[in-house]
Every structure is written in structure tokens, then in C-alpha cells.
Amino acid sequence: NLELAIAGEEYEVKEMYPVFLETARYQGEA
């Protein structure tokens, strides 16, 4: 379960949130 949790958190940190942040910035959604 810790392995699954690490995988989920790392996906958010390395892939998901960087893209979502850039999308929001690009679209001016503060």
C-alpha cells in the first residue's frame, strides 16, 4: 500500500500537477 501511495504521489508531482499548473497559468486561471 505504501508502494501504491508513493506511485500516486510521484505521478502527481512529476506529471499531473506540473501540467495542470501550466494549463491554469496559460489560461489565466489564478
PDB file of all heavy atoms in Angstrom:
ATOM      1  N   ASN A   1       0.823  -1.211   0.000  1.00  0.00           N
ATOM      2  CA  ASN A   1       0.000   0.000   0.000  1.00  0.00           C
ATOM      3  C   ASN A   1       0.857   1.262   0.000  1.00  0.00           C
ATOM      4  O   ASN A   1       0.510   2.252  -0.655  1.00  0.00           O
ATOM      5  CB  ASN A   1      -0.962  -0.018   1.180  1.00  0.00           C
ATOM      6  CG  ASN A   1      -1.979  -1.136   1.062  1.00  0.00           C
ATOM      7  OD1 ASN A   1      -2.215  -1.674  -0.018  1.00  0.00           O
ATOM      8  ND2 ASN A   1      -2.576  -1.502   2.173  1.00  0.00           N
ATOM      9  N   LEU A   2       1.980   1.232   0.710  1.00  0.00           N
ATOM     10  CA  LEU A   2       2.900   2.367   0.672  1.00  0.00           C
ATOM     11  C   LEU A   2       3.500   2.521  -0.723  1.00  0.00           C
ATOM     12  O   LEU A   2       3.667   3.638  -1.209  1.00  0.00           O
ATOM     13  CB  LEU A   2       4.001   2.214   1.727  1.00  0.00           C
ATOM     14  CG  LEU A   2       3.552   2.507   3.158  1.00  0.00           C
ATOM     15  CD1 LEU A   2       4.551   1.950   4.166  1.00  0.00           C
ATOM     16  CD2 LEU A   2       3.331   3.998   3.369  1.00  0.00           C
ATOM     17  N   GLU A   3       3.791   1.403  -1.367  1.00  0.00           N
ATOM     18  CA  GLU A   3       4.301   1.442  -2.739  1.00  0.00           C
ATOM     19  C   GLU A   3       3.277   2.092  -3.677  1.00  0.00           C
ATOM     20  O   GLU A   3       3.625   2.936  -4.514  1.00  0.00           O
ATOM     21  CB  GLU A   3       4.607   0.016  -3.197  1.00  0.00           C
ATOM     22  CG  GLU A   3       5.378  -0.088  -4.474  1.00  0.00           C
ATOM     23  CD  GLU A   3       5.739  -1.540  -4.776  1.00  0.00           C
ATOM     24  OE1 GLU A   3       6.106  -2.283  -3.859  1.00  0.00           O
ATOM     25  OE2 GLU A   3       5.628  -1.903  -5.961  1.00  0.00           O
ATOM     26  N   LEU A   4       2.012   1.729  -3.521  1.00  0.00           N
ATOM     27  CA  LEU A   4       0.945   2.337  -4.329  1.00  0.00           C
ATOM     28  C   LEU A   4       0.821   3.834  -4.024  1.00  0.00           C
ATOM     29  O   LEU A   4       0.632   4.646  -4.933  1.00  0.00           O
ATOM     30  CB  LEU A   4      -0.389   1.641  -4.074  1.00  0.00           C
ATOM     31  CG  LEU A   4      -0.517   0.196  -4.558  1.00  0.00           C
ATOM     32  CD1 LEU A   4      -1.810  -0.418  -4.041  1.00  0.00           C
ATOM     33  CD2 LEU A   4      -0.443   0.115  -6.066  1.00  0.00           C
ATOM     34  N   ALA A   5       0.916   4.179  -2.745  1.00  0.00           N
ATOM     35  CA  ALA A   5       0.819   5.588  -2.345  1.00  0.00           C
ATOM     36  C   ALA A   5       1.970   6.398  -2.941  1.00  0.00           C
ATOM     37  O   ALA A   5       1.760   7.506  -3.449  1.00  0.00           O
ATOM     38  CB  ALA A   5       0.805   5.704  -0.822  1.00  0.00           C
ATOM     39  N   ILE A   6       3.169   5.851  -2.890  1.00  0.00           N
ATOM     40  CA  ILE A   6       4.334   6.536  -3.464  1.00  0.00           C
ATOM     41  C   ILE A   6       4.125   6.740  -4.966  1.00  0.00           C
ATOM     42  O   ILE A   6       4.361   7.839  -5.487  1.00  0.00           O
ATOM     43  CB  ILE A   6       5.631   5.744  -3.184  1.00  0.00           C
ATOM     44  CG1 ILE A   6       5.946   5.766  -1.689  1.00  0.00           C
ATOM     45  CG2 ILE A   6       6.798   6.297  -4.006  1.00  0.00           C
ATOM     46  CD1 ILE A   6       6.966   4.710  -1.247  1.00  0.00           C
ATOM     47  N   ALA A   7       3.662   5.707  -5.651  1.00  0.00           N
ATOM     48  CA  ALA A   7       3.431   5.814  -7.100  1.00  0.00           C
ATOM     49  C   ALA A   7       2.417   6.911  -7.411  1.00  0.00           C
ATOM     50  O   ALA A   7       2.608   7.699  -8.333  1.00  0.00           O
ATOM     51  CB  ALA A   7       2.953   4.475  -7.663  1.00  0.00           C
ATOM     52  N   GLY A   8       1.341   6.977  -6.632  1.00  0.00           N
ATOM     53  CA  GLY A   8       0.320   8.002  -6.848  1.00  0.00           C
ATOM     54  C   GLY A   8       0.847   9.400  -6.598  1.00  0.00           C
ATOM     55  O   GLY A   8       0.613  10.322  -7.391  1.00  0.00           O
ATOM     56  N   GLU A   9       1.578   9.577  -5.501  1.00  0.00           N
ATOM     57  CA  GLU A   9       2.116  10.896  -5.166  1.00  0.00           C
ATOM     58  C   GLU A   9       3.158  11.330  -6.201  1.00  0.00           C
ATOM     59  O   GLU A   9       3.189  12.489  -6.610  1.00  0.00           O
ATOM     60  CB  GLU A   9       2.735  10.886  -3.762  1.00  0.00           C
ATOM     61  CG  GLU A   9       1.769  10.545  -2.645  1.00  0.00           C
ATOM     62  CD  GLU A   9       0.641  11.533  -2.462  1.00  0.00           C
ATOM     63  OE1 GLU A   9       0.861  12.754  -2.612  1.00  0.00           O
ATOM     64  OE2 GLU A   9      -0.471  11.079  -2.149  1.00  0.00           O
ATOM     65  N   GLU A  10       4.010  10.400  -6.621  1.00  0.00           N
ATOM     66  CA  GLU A  10       5.031  10.764  -7.605  1.00  0.00           C
ATOM     67  C   GLU A  10       4.414  11.106  -8.956  1.00  0.00           C
ATOM     68  O   GLU A  10       4.906  11.992  -9.653  1.00  0.00           O
ATOM     69  CB  GLU A  10       6.067   9.648  -7.736  1.00  0.00           C
ATOM     70  CG  GLU A  10       6.980   9.613  -6.532  1.00  0.00           C
ATOM     71  CD  GLU A  10       8.128   8.629  -6.662  1.00  0.00           C
ATOM     72  OE1 GLU A  10       8.035   7.673  -7.463  1.00  0.00           O
ATOM     73  OE2 GLU A  10       9.117   8.825  -5.942  1.00  0.00           O
ATOM     74  N   TYR A  11       3.348  10.425  -9.332  1.00  0.00           N
ATOM     75  CA  TYR A  11       2.652  10.778 -10.575  1.00  0.00           C
ATOM     76  C   TYR A  11       2.139  12.215 -10.488  1.00  0.00           C
ATOM     77  O   TYR A  11       2.294  13.003 -11.422  1.00  0.00           O
ATOM     78  CB  TYR A  11       1.492   9.811 -10.832  1.00  0.00           C
ATOM     79  CG  TYR A  11       0.576  10.293 -11.927  1.00  0.00           C
ATOM     80  CD1 TYR A  11       0.940  10.198 -13.264  1.00  0.00           C
ATOM     81  CD2 TYR A  11      -0.649  10.886 -11.622  1.00  0.00           C
ATOM     82  CE1 TYR A  11       0.113  10.675 -14.275  1.00  0.00           C
ATOM     83  CE2 TYR A  11      -1.485  11.356 -12.620  1.00  0.00           C
ATOM     84  CZ  TYR A  11      -1.103  11.250 -13.939  1.00  0.00           C
ATOM     85  OH  TYR A  11      -1.921  11.724 -14.934  1.00  0.00           O
ATOM     86  N   GLU A  12       1.538  12.563  -9.358  1.00  0.00           N
ATOM     87  CA  GLU A  12       1.011  13.921  -9.192  1.00  0.00           C
ATOM     88  C   GLU A  12       2.127  14.963  -9.261  1.00  0.00           C
ATOM     89  O   GLU A  12       1.956  16.023  -9.858  1.00  0.00           O
ATOM     90  CB  GLU A  12       0.267  14.041  -7.858  1.00  0.00           C
ATOM     91  CG  GLU A  12      -1.032  13.282  -7.838  1.00  0.00           C
ATOM     92  CD  GLU A  12      -1.716  13.333  -6.489  1.00  0.00           C
ATOM     93  OE1 GLU A  12      -1.033  13.476  -5.454  1.00  0.00           O
ATOM     94  OE2 GLU A  12      -2.955  13.221  -6.479  1.00  0.00           O
ATOM     95  N   VAL A  13       3.266  14.654  -8.640  1.00  0.00           N
ATOM     96  CA  VAL A  13       4.386  15.601  -8.565  1.00  0.00           C
ATOM     97  C   VAL A  13       5.139  15.713  -9.886  1.00  0.00           C
ATOM     98  O   VAL A  13       5.523  16.805 -10.299  1.00  0.00           O
ATOM     99  CB  VAL A  13       5.354  15.191  -7.428  1.00  0.00           C
ATOM    100  CG1 VAL A  13       6.655  15.972  -7.492  1.00  0.00           C
ATOM    101  CG2 VAL A  13       4.690  15.379  -6.072  1.00  0.00           C
ATOM    102  N   LYS A  14       5.346  14.592 -10.556  1.00  0.00           N
ATOM    103  CA  LYS A  14       6.186  14.594 -11.757  1.00  0.00           C
ATOM    104  C   LYS A  14       5.408  14.836 -13.046  1.00  0.00           C
ATOM    105  O   LYS A  14       5.976  15.311 -14.025  1.00  0.00           O
ATOM    106  CB  LYS A  14       6.940  13.274 -11.870  1.00  0.00           C
ATOM    107  CG  LYS A  14       7.963  13.086 -10.777  1.00  0.00           C
ATOM    108  CD  LYS A  14       8.634  11.734 -10.876  1.00  0.00           C
ATOM    109  CE  LYS A  14       9.637  11.556  -9.756  1.00  0.00           C
ATOM    110  NZ  LYS A  14      10.228  10.213  -9.780  1.00  0.00           N
ATOM    111  N   GLU A  15       4.116  14.488 -13.057  1.00  0.00           N
ATOM    112  CA  GLU A  15       3.372  14.585 -14.303  1.00  0.00           C
ATOM    113  C   GLU A  15       2.107  15.443 -14.201  1.00  0.00           C
ATOM    114  O   GLU A  15       1.947  16.398 -14.936  1.00  0.00           O
ATOM    115  CB  GLU A  15       2.994  13.178 -14.792  1.00  0.00           C
ATOM    116  CG  GLU A  15       4.216  12.350 -15.158  1.00  0.00           C
ATOM    117  CD  GLU A  15       3.864  11.018 -15.758  1.00  0.00           C
ATOM    118  OE1 GLU A  15       2.939  10.965 -16.584  1.00  0.00           O
ATOM    119  OE2 GLU A  15       4.524  10.023 -15.402  1.00  0.00           O
ATOM    120  N   MET A  16       1.221  15.088 -13.290  1.00  0.00           N
ATOM    121  CA  MET A  16      -0.098  15.702 -13.274  1.00  0.00           C
ATOM    122  C   MET A  16      -0.074  17.192 -12.917  1.00  0.00           C
ATOM    123  O   MET A  16      -0.490  18.032 -13.720  1.00  0.00           O
ATOM    124  CB  MET A  16      -1.018  14.943 -12.300  1.00  0.00           C
ATOM    125  CG  MET A  16      -2.456  15.411 -12.347  1.00  0.00           C
ATOM    126  SD  MET A  16      -3.500  14.437 -11.220  1.00  0.00           S
ATOM    127  CE  MET A  16      -3.469  15.497  -9.785  1.00  0.00           C
ATOM    128  N   TYR A  17       0.385  17.521 -11.716  1.00  0.00           N
ATOM    129  CA  TYR A  17       0.296  18.917 -11.296  1.00  0.00           C
ATOM    130  C   TYR A  17       1.177  19.869 -12.100  1.00  0.00           C
ATOM    131  O   TYR A  17       0.758  21.006 -12.345  1.00  0.00           O
ATOM    132  CB  TYR A  17       0.496  19.063  -9.788  1.00  0.00           C
ATOM    133  CG  TYR A  17      -0.772  18.730  -9.039  1.00  0.00           C
ATOM    134  CD1 TYR A  17      -0.810  17.701  -8.119  1.00  0.00           C
ATOM    135  CD2 TYR A  17      -1.954  19.420  -9.291  1.00  0.00           C
ATOM    136  CE1 TYR A  17      -1.993  17.377  -7.455  1.00  0.00           C
ATOM    137  CE2 TYR A  17      -3.137  19.105  -8.639  1.00  0.00           C
ATOM    138  CZ  TYR A  17      -3.143  18.083  -7.719  1.00  0.00           C
ATOM    139  OH  TYR A  17      -4.323  17.773  -7.076  1.00  0.00           O
ATOM    140  N   PRO A  18       2.372  19.473 -12.552  1.00  0.00           N
ATOM    141  CA  PRO A  18       3.115  20.419 -13.409  1.00  0.00           C
ATOM    142  C   PRO A  18       2.325  20.800 -14.666  1.00  0.00           C
ATOM    143  O   PRO A  18       2.311  21.976 -15.055  1.00  0.00           O
ATOM    144  CB  PRO A  18       4.401  19.652 -13.749  1.00  0.00           C
ATOM    145  CG  PRO A  18       4.613  18.756 -12.568  1.00  0.00           C
ATOM    146  CD  PRO A  18       3.221  18.316 -12.175  1.00  0.00           C
ATOM    147  N   VAL A  19       1.655  19.835 -15.277  1.00  0.00           N
ATOM    148  CA  VAL A  19       0.865  20.129 -16.481  1.00  0.00           C
ATOM    149  C   VAL A  19      -0.360  20.968 -16.125  1.00  0.00           C
ATOM    150  O   VAL A  19      -0.691  21.942 -16.811  1.00  0.00           O
ATOM    151  CB  VAL A  19       0.456  18.819 -17.194  1.00  0.00           C
ATOM    152  CG1 VAL A  19      -0.531  19.088 -18.318  1.00  0.00           C
ATOM    153  CG2 VAL A  19       1.691  18.100 -17.723  1.00  0.00           C
ATOM    154  N   PHE A  20      -1.044  20.604 -15.041  1.00  0.00           N
ATOM    155  CA  PHE A  20      -2.234  21.355 -14.636  1.00  0.00           C
ATOM    156  C   PHE A  20      -1.884  22.790 -14.261  1.00  0.00           C
ATOM    157  O   PHE A  20      -2.629  23.723 -14.585  1.00  0.00           O
ATOM    158  CB  PHE A  20      -2.941  20.659 -13.477  1.00  0.00           C
ATOM    159  CG  PHE A  20      -3.620  19.357 -13.836  1.00  0.00           C
ATOM    160  CD1 PHE A  20      -4.242  18.612 -12.853  1.00  0.00           C
ATOM    161  CD2 PHE A  20      -3.654  18.869 -15.135  1.00  0.00           C
ATOM    162  CE1 PHE A  20      -4.887  17.421 -13.164  1.00  0.00           C
ATOM    163  CE2 PHE A  20      -4.280  17.683 -15.459  1.00  0.00           C
ATOM    164  CZ  PHE A  20      -4.904  16.952 -14.460  1.00  0.00           C
ATOM    165  N   LEU A  21      -0.756  22.973 -13.588  1.00  0.00           N
ATOM    166  CA  LEU A  21      -0.313  24.329 -13.238  1.00  0.00           C
ATOM    167  C   LEU A  21      -0.043  25.164 -14.487  1.00  0.00           C
ATOM    168  O   LEU A  21      -0.469  26.318 -14.570  1.00  0.00           O
ATOM    169  CB  LEU A  21       0.958  24.261 -12.381  1.00  0.00           C
ATOM    170  CG  LEU A  21       0.747  24.117 -10.893  1.00  0.00           C
ATOM    171  CD1 LEU A  21       2.014  23.622 -10.205  1.00  0.00           C
ATOM    172  CD2 LEU A  21       0.303  25.433 -10.299  1.00  0.00           C
ATOM    173  N   GLU A  22       0.640  24.585 -15.442  1.00  0.00           N
ATOM    174  CA  GLU A  22       0.938  25.313 -16.682  1.00  0.00           C
ATOM    175  C   GLU A  22      -0.336  25.634 -17.462  1.00  0.00           C
ATOM    176  O   GLU A  22      -0.454  26.712 -18.047  1.00  0.00           O
ATOM    177  CB  GLU A  22       1.925  24.532 -17.557  1.00  0.00           C
ATOM    178  CG  GLU A  22       3.348  24.588 -17.040  1.00  0.00           C
ATOM    179  CD  GLU A  22       3.874  26.000 -16.862  1.00  0.00           C
ATOM    180  OE1 GLU A  22       3.728  26.838 -17.790  1.00  0.00           O
ATOM    181  OE2 GLU A  22       4.432  26.293 -15.781  1.00  0.00           O
ATOM    182  N   THR A  23      -1.273  24.706 -17.454  1.00  0.00           N
ATOM    183  CA  THR A  23      -2.552  24.946 -18.129  1.00  0.00           C
ATOM    184  C   THR A  23      -3.272  26.124 -17.493  1.00  0.00           C
ATOM    185  O   THR A  23      -3.739  27.033 -18.192  1.00  0.00           O
ATOM    186  CB  THR A  23      -3.447  23.682 -18.075  1.00  0.00           C
ATOM    187  OG1 THR A  23      -2.752  22.608 -18.716  1.00  0.00           O
ATOM    188  CG2 THR A  23      -4.783  23.911 -18.754  1.00  0.00           C
ATOM    189  N   ALA A  24      -3.365  26.126 -16.165  1.00  0.00           N
ATOM    190  CA  ALA A  24      -4.045  27.216 -15.461  1.00  0.00           C
ATOM    191  C   ALA A  24      -3.328  28.548 -15.691  1.00  0.00           C
ATOM    192  O   ALA A  24      -3.980  29.576 -15.912  1.00  0.00           O
ATOM    193  CB  ALA A  24      -4.143  26.895 -13.970  1.00  0.00           C
ATOM    194  N   ARG A  25      -2.011  28.532 -15.647  1.00  0.00           N
ATOM    195  CA  ARG A  25      -1.236  29.765 -15.902  1.00  0.00           C
ATOM    196  C   ARG A  25      -1.493  30.272 -17.320  1.00  0.00           C
ATOM    197  O   ARG A  25      -1.749  31.456 -17.521  1.00  0.00           O
ATOM    198  CB  ARG A  25       0.260  29.500 -15.726  1.00  0.00           C
ATOM    199  CG  ARG A  25       0.708  29.499 -14.317  1.00  0.00           C
ATOM    200  CD  ARG A  25       2.234  29.364 -14.211  1.00  0.00           C
ATOM    201  NE  ARG A  25       2.551  29.015 -12.845  1.00  0.00           N
ATOM    202  CZ  ARG A  25       3.211  27.922 -12.478  1.00  0.00           C
ATOM    203  NH1 ARG A  25       3.684  27.087 -13.375  1.00  0.00           N
ATOM    204  NH2 ARG A  25       3.425  27.679 -11.214  1.00  0.00           N
ATOM    205  N   TYR A  26      -1.405  29.376 -18.269  1.00  0.00           N
ATOM    206  CA  TYR A  26      -1.595  29.741 -19.674  1.00  0.00           C
ATOM    207  C   TYR A  26      -2.979  30.341 -19.903  1.00  0.00           C
ATOM    208  O   TYR A  26      -3.137  31.298 -20.656  1.00  0.00           O
ATOM    209  CB  TYR A  26      -1.391  28.515 -20.568  1.00  0.00           C
ATOM    210  CG  TYR A  26      -1.612  28.801 -22.032  1.00  0.00           C
ATOM    211  CD1 TYR A  26      -0.648  29.479 -22.775  1.00  0.00           C
ATOM    212  CD2 TYR A  26      -2.792  28.419 -22.660  1.00  0.00           C
ATOM    213  CE1 TYR A  26      -0.852  29.765 -24.112  1.00  0.00           C
ATOM    214  CE2 TYR A  26      -3.001  28.699 -24.002  1.00  0.00           C
ATOM    215  CZ  TYR A  26      -2.032  29.371 -24.723  1.00  0.00           C
ATOM    216  OH  TYR A  26      -2.241  29.649 -26.046  1.00  0.00           O
ATOM    217  N   GLN A  27      -3.979  29.773 -19.229  1.00  0.00           N
ATOM    218  CA  GLN A  27      -5.348  30.254 -19.415  1.00  0.00           C
ATOM    219  C   GLN A  27      -5.711  31.397 -18.468  1.00  0.00           C
ATOM    220  O   GLN A  27      -6.842  31.873 -18.488  1.00  0.00           O
ATOM    221  CB  GLN A  27      -6.334  29.097 -19.268  1.00  0.00           C
ATOM    222  CG  GLN A  27      -6.168  28.069 -20.385  1.00  0.00           C
ATOM    223  CD  GLN A  27      -7.340  27.152 -20.526  1.00  0.00           C
ATOM    224  OE1 GLN A  27      -7.860  26.603 -19.561  1.00  0.00           O
ATOM    225  NE2 GLN A  27      -7.788  26.986 -21.776  1.00  0.00           N
ATOM    226  N   GLY A  28      -4.760  31.843 -17.672  1.00  0.00           N
ATOM    227  CA  GLY A  28      -5.017  32.972 -16.777  1.00  0.00           C
ATOM    228  C   GLY A  28      -6.004  32.659 -15.670  1.00  0.00           C
ATOM    229  O   GLY A  28      -6.723  33.551 -15.212  1.00  0.00           O
ATOM    230  N   GLU A  29      -6.019  31.433 -15.219  1.00  0.00           N
ATOM    231  CA  GLU A  29      -6.959  30.996 -14.174  1.00  0.00           C
ATOM    232  C   GLU A  29      -6.246  30.970 -12.826  1.00  0.00           C
ATOM    233  O   GLU A  29      -5.790  29.930 -12.341  1.00  0.00           O
ATOM    234  CB  GLU A  29      -7.534  29.611 -14.518  1.00  0.00           C
ATOM    235  CG  GLU A  29      -8.306  29.572 -15.818  1.00  0.00           C
ATOM    236  CD  GLU A  29      -9.647  30.299 -15.758  1.00  0.00           C
ATOM    237  OE1 GLU A  29     -10.032  30.786 -14.677  1.00  0.00           O
ATOM    238  OE2 GLU A  29     -10.306  30.382 -16.812  1.00  0.00           O
ATOM    239  N   ALA A  30      -6.144  32.136 -12.186  1.00  0.00           N
ATOM    240  CA  ALA A  30      -5.359  32.304 -10.965  1.00  0.00           C
ATOM    241  C   ALA A  30      -5.867  31.439  -9.813  1.00  0.00           C
ATOM    242  O   ALA A  30      -5.069  30.882  -9.047  1.00  0.00           O
ATOM    243  CB  ALA A  30      -5.346  33.771 -10.551  1.00  0.00           C
TER     244      ALA A  30
END
